[in-house]
Protein backbone atom coordinates (compact mmCIF):
# COMPACT_ATOMS: atom_id res chain seq x y z
CA MET A 1 0.27 14.74 2.86
CA GLY A 2 -1.73 15.48 5.98
CA GLY A 3 -5.11 17.05 6.31
CA SER A 4 -7.83 18.07 8.71
CA LEU A 5 -10.87 16.16 9.92
CA VAL A 6 -13.62 17.47 7.67
CA THR A 7 -17.09 17.14 9.19
CA LEU A 8 -20.54 16.97 7.67
CA GLU A 9 -21.23 20.44 9.02
CA ASP A 10 -18.15 21.74 7.21
CA VAL A 11 -19.49 20.24 3.99
CA LYS A 12 -22.93 21.80 4.51
CA ARG A 13 -21.36 25.23 5.01
CA ASN A 14 -19.45 25.09 1.71
CA SER A 15 -21.24 27.47 -0.65
CA PHE A 16 -19.86 25.83 -3.82
CA ILE A 17 -21.13 22.42 -2.74
CA ASP A 18 -24.48 23.95 -1.88
CA SER A 19 -24.79 25.46 -5.35
CA PHE A 20 -24.12 22.10 -7.00
CA ILE A 21 -26.67 20.36 -4.78
CA ARG A 22 -29.38 22.94 -5.50
CA LYS A 23 -28.74 22.98 -9.24
CA GLY A 24 -28.56 19.20 -9.47
CA ASN A 25 -31.97 18.85 -7.84
CA GLU A 26 -33.34 21.60 -10.07
CA TYR A 27 -32.08 19.90 -13.24
CA LEU A 28 -33.57 16.56 -12.21
CA GLY A 29 -36.88 18.31 -11.68
CA VAL A 30 -36.75 19.57 -15.26
CA LEU A 31 -36.16 15.97 -16.40
CA GLY A 32 -39.12 14.70 -14.36
CA PHE A 33 -37.20 12.88 -11.63
CA THR A 34 -38.24 12.63 -7.99
CA GLU A 35 -36.79 14.89 -5.30
CA HIS A 36 -33.01 14.70 -4.83
CA GLY A 37 -32.56 17.81 -2.69
CA TYR A 38 -31.90 18.61 0.96
CA ARG A 39 -34.60 16.28 2.29
CA HIS A 40 -33.17 13.24 0.50
CA LEU A 41 -29.53 14.10 1.16
CA ASN A 42 -29.98 14.81 4.86
CA LEU A 43 -31.99 11.62 5.31
CA VAL A 44 -29.41 9.48 3.48
CA ALA A 45 -26.58 11.08 5.47
CA SER A 46 -28.35 10.45 8.76
CA THR A 47 -29.30 6.87 7.86
CA ALA A 48 -25.82 5.97 6.62
CA ARG A 49 -24.33 7.31 9.86
CA GLN A 50 -26.91 5.39 11.90
CA ILE A 51 -26.20 2.10 10.12
CA LEU A 52 -22.48 2.14 10.88
CA THR A 53 -22.97 3.48 14.41
CA GLN A 54 -25.45 0.76 15.31
CA LEU A 55 -23.17 -1.92 13.87
CA GLY A 56 -20.27 -0.79 16.04
CA TYR A 57 -18.09 1.04 13.54
CA SER A 58 -16.01 4.00 14.69
CA GLN A 59 -17.49 7.46 15.06
CA ARG A 60 -15.17 8.75 12.34
CA GLU A 61 -16.18 6.05 9.87
CA ALA A 62 -19.82 6.88 10.57
CA GLU A 63 -19.03 10.56 9.92
CA LEU A 64 -17.48 9.67 6.56
CA ALA A 65 -20.64 7.72 5.69
CA ALA A 66 -22.70 10.80 6.52
CA ILE A 67 -20.48 12.96 4.31
CA ALA A 68 -20.76 10.47 1.45
CA GLY A 69 -24.51 10.35 1.96
CA TYR A 70 -24.83 14.11 1.75
CA LEU A 71 -22.66 14.34 -1.38
CA HIS A 72 -23.69 11.18 -3.25
CA ASP A 73 -26.00 12.92 -5.75
CA ILE A 74 -23.86 15.99 -6.42
CA GLY A 75 -22.99 14.67 -9.89
CA ASN A 76 -26.57 15.33 -11.02
CA ALA A 77 -25.49 18.93 -11.50
CA ILE A 78 -23.47 17.65 -14.48
CA SER A 79 -25.68 14.85 -15.81
CA ARG A 80 -27.99 12.15 -14.53
CA ASN A 81 -26.04 9.62 -16.58
CA ASP A 82 -23.15 8.17 -14.54
CA HIS A 83 -23.77 10.74 -11.83
CA GLY A 84 -22.00 8.50 -9.34
CA ILE A 85 -18.74 8.81 -11.26
CA SER A 86 -19.01 12.53 -11.91
CA GLY A 87 -20.12 13.04 -8.30
CA ALA A 88 -17.04 11.23 -7.03
CA LEU A 89 -14.80 13.51 -9.08
CA LEU A 90 -16.59 16.60 -7.81
CA ALA A 91 -16.36 15.33 -4.23
CA PHE A 92 -12.63 14.75 -4.70
CA TYR A 93 -12.20 18.35 -5.84
CA PHE A 94 -14.23 19.84 -3.00
CA LEU A 95 -13.04 17.61 -0.15
CA SER A 96 -9.38 17.73 -1.11
CA GLY A 97 -9.68 21.51 -1.21
CA MET A 98 -11.10 21.39 2.31
CA GLY A 99 -8.07 19.40 3.48
CA MET A 100 -9.51 15.91 3.95
CA PRO A 101 -6.71 13.33 4.39
CA ALA A 102 -6.09 11.07 1.40
CA GLU A 103 -7.13 7.83 3.13
CA GLU A 104 -10.50 9.29 4.07
CA LEU A 105 -10.90 11.02 0.74
CA VAL A 106 -10.55 7.83 -1.30
CA THR A 107 -13.03 6.08 1.00
CA VAL A 108 -15.69 8.73 0.46
CA ILE A 109 -15.28 9.11 -3.30
CA SER A 110 -15.26 5.35 -3.89
CA ALA A 111 -18.53 5.12 -1.95
CA ILE A 112 -20.10 7.87 -4.06
CA ALA A 113 -18.86 6.27 -7.28
CA ASN A 114 -20.39 2.93 -6.29
CA HIS A 115 -23.88 3.92 -5.14
CA GLU A 116 -25.66 3.46 -8.50
CA GLU A 117 -27.34 0.10 -8.97
CA GLN A 118 -26.24 -0.16 -12.60
CA TYR A 119 -22.60 -0.76 -11.66
CA GLY A 120 -22.16 -0.04 -7.95
CA GLN A 121 -20.52 -2.38 -5.45
CA PRO A 122 -20.04 -2.21 -1.66
CA VAL A 123 -16.27 -1.78 -1.85
CA ASN A 124 -15.97 -0.58 1.75
CA SER A 125 -18.17 -0.10 4.80
CA VAL A 126 -18.96 3.53 3.91
CA ALA A 127 -20.09 2.46 0.44
CA ALA A 128 -22.22 -0.33 1.90
CA ALA A 129 -23.95 2.03 4.34
CA LEU A 130 -24.52 4.62 1.62
CA ILE A 131 -26.09 2.05 -0.73
CA VAL A 132 -28.60 0.85 1.85
CA ALA A 133 -29.40 4.37 3.05
CA ASP A 134 -29.95 5.70 -0.47
CA LYS A 135 -32.05 2.82 -1.77
CA SER A 136 -34.26 2.76 1.33
CA ASP A 137 -35.55 6.29 0.70
CA VAL A 138 -38.76 5.47 -1.13
CA HIS A 139 -41.73 7.65 -0.17
CA ARG A 140 -44.56 9.69 -1.65
CA SER A 141 -42.98 12.91 -0.37
CA ARG A 142 -40.31 12.52 -3.08
CA VAL A 143 -42.83 12.82 -5.94
CA ARG A 144 -42.77 16.28 -7.53
CA ASN A 145 -45.26 15.70 -10.34
CA PRO A 146 -48.58 17.26 -9.21
CA ASP A 147 -50.65 15.50 -11.88
CA PHE A 148 -51.48 11.96 -10.82
CA ALA A 149 -52.84 11.18 -14.29
CA THR A 150 -49.38 11.65 -15.80
CA PHE A 151 -47.43 9.61 -13.23
CA ASP A 152 -44.83 7.23 -14.66
CA ILE A 153 -43.97 4.00 -12.86
CA HIS A 154 -41.34 5.70 -10.65
CA ASP A 155 -43.89 8.31 -9.54
CA ARG A 156 -46.50 5.63 -8.86
CA VAL A 157 -44.16 3.44 -6.84
CA ASN A 158 -42.87 6.31 -4.70
CA TYR A 159 -46.33 7.83 -4.22
CA ALA A 160 -47.76 4.46 -3.19
CA VAL A 161 -45.32 4.14 -0.28
CA GLU A 162 -47.07 5.54 2.77
CA HIS A 163 -44.42 4.54 5.30
CA ALA A 164 -40.81 3.38 5.00
CA PHE A 165 -38.71 2.14 7.91
CA LEU A 166 -35.13 0.93 8.06
CA THR A 167 -34.16 -1.10 11.12
CA VAL A 168 -30.67 -2.29 12.07
CA ASN A 169 -30.42 -5.15 14.57
CA SER A 170 -26.79 -5.46 15.62
CA GLY A 171 -27.44 -8.57 17.71
CA LYS A 172 -29.12 -10.54 14.93
CA ARG A 173 -26.97 -8.81 12.28
CA THR A 174 -29.98 -7.89 10.17
CA ILE A 175 -30.87 -4.77 8.19
CA THR A 176 -34.61 -4.66 7.55
CA MET A 177 -36.43 -2.40 5.12
CA GLU A 178 -40.15 -2.29 5.85
CA LEU A 179 -42.63 -0.59 3.53
CA VAL A 180 -46.34 0.10 3.69
CA ILE A 181 -47.63 0.36 0.12
CA ASP A 182 -51.09 1.38 -1.10
CA ILE A 183 -51.68 -1.41 -3.61
CA ASN A 184 -54.56 0.56 -5.14
CA ILE A 185 -51.97 2.99 -6.46
CA CYS A 186 -49.20 0.54 -7.25
CA PRO A 187 -49.18 -3.27 -7.04
CA VAL A 188 -46.21 -4.81 -5.26
CA MET A 189 -45.06 -6.32 -8.57
CA GLU A 190 -44.44 -2.83 -9.96
CA TYR A 191 -42.16 -2.11 -7.02
CA PHE A 192 -40.03 -5.12 -7.93
CA GLU A 193 -40.19 -4.24 -11.63
CA ILE A 194 -38.10 -1.13 -11.11
CA PHE A 195 -36.39 -1.80 -7.78
CA LEU A 196 -35.27 -5.43 -8.03
CA THR A 197 -31.70 -4.45 -8.95
CA ARG A 198 -31.68 -1.97 -6.06
CA MET A 199 -32.75 -4.63 -3.59
CA ALA A 200 -30.09 -7.01 -4.91
CA LEU A 201 -27.48 -4.30 -4.36
CA CYS A 202 -28.81 -3.70 -0.84
CA ARG A 203 -28.41 -7.40 -0.11
CA ARG A 204 -24.78 -7.30 -1.25
CA ALA A 205 -24.19 -4.17 0.84
CA ALA A 206 -25.72 -5.74 3.94
CA ASN A 207 -23.64 -8.87 3.42
CA PHE A 208 -20.50 -6.72 3.26
CA LEU A 209 -21.45 -5.44 6.72
CA ASN A 210 -21.90 -9.07 7.86
CA CYS A 211 -25.66 -8.66 7.96
CA ASP A 212 -28.66 -10.23 6.25
CA PHE A 213 -30.96 -7.92 4.30
CA GLU A 214 -34.70 -8.27 4.81
CA LEU A 215 -37.51 -6.64 2.83
CA ILE A 216 -40.99 -6.55 4.33
CA ILE A 217 -43.91 -5.08 2.36
CA ASN A 218 -47.34 -4.72 3.99
CA GLY A 219 -46.31 -7.14 6.71
CA SER A 220 -45.07 -9.90 4.40
CA ARG A 221 -41.38 -10.77 4.21
CA LEU A 222 -40.34 -10.92 0.57
CA LEU A 223 -36.54 -11.09 0.98
């Protein structure tokens, strides 16, 4: 069965998708999670596209990575638990209804289903780009809790990150995540306490793209 080339802009214009994105972010706010709204989704979409573009993948594959990046958290509208799986099913429903060809559709939904560190794997290049793009978005602007005294470890770690950079070097085949952390708010060890599994997944994703993954915090290379 054929289909049309769905673009990220098509996805953004879909009012049903927009409702799920807004409600998912709202529900996570009720549960005390960091921001998972337009800021996060647009950044992940842009970064995922950039990763594949800079590594020489096709423009269409980069577009699929951007679409997966924009939709990857849509399952939060149903539940935070296993939101990658529920998000993949929702994306299948929406994107198939928009006419996306089957080969592209399965690429996007498998990427969404595999972005969670608890069970995710870089099963294709789109999934690998999505994983790195999603896990590299750590920054104080994501913290929604206004009361510093009640911060949990996730709030502290995100709030402590003053700058976050992701660099792709196609010549050296490296993907480097560089963070500047205020250690008076959160020691580096706390970052690893909650993000070690994420960094391990990023390493596997980078390796899938034939790259090495590097983590630099406050000027020191840790991975």
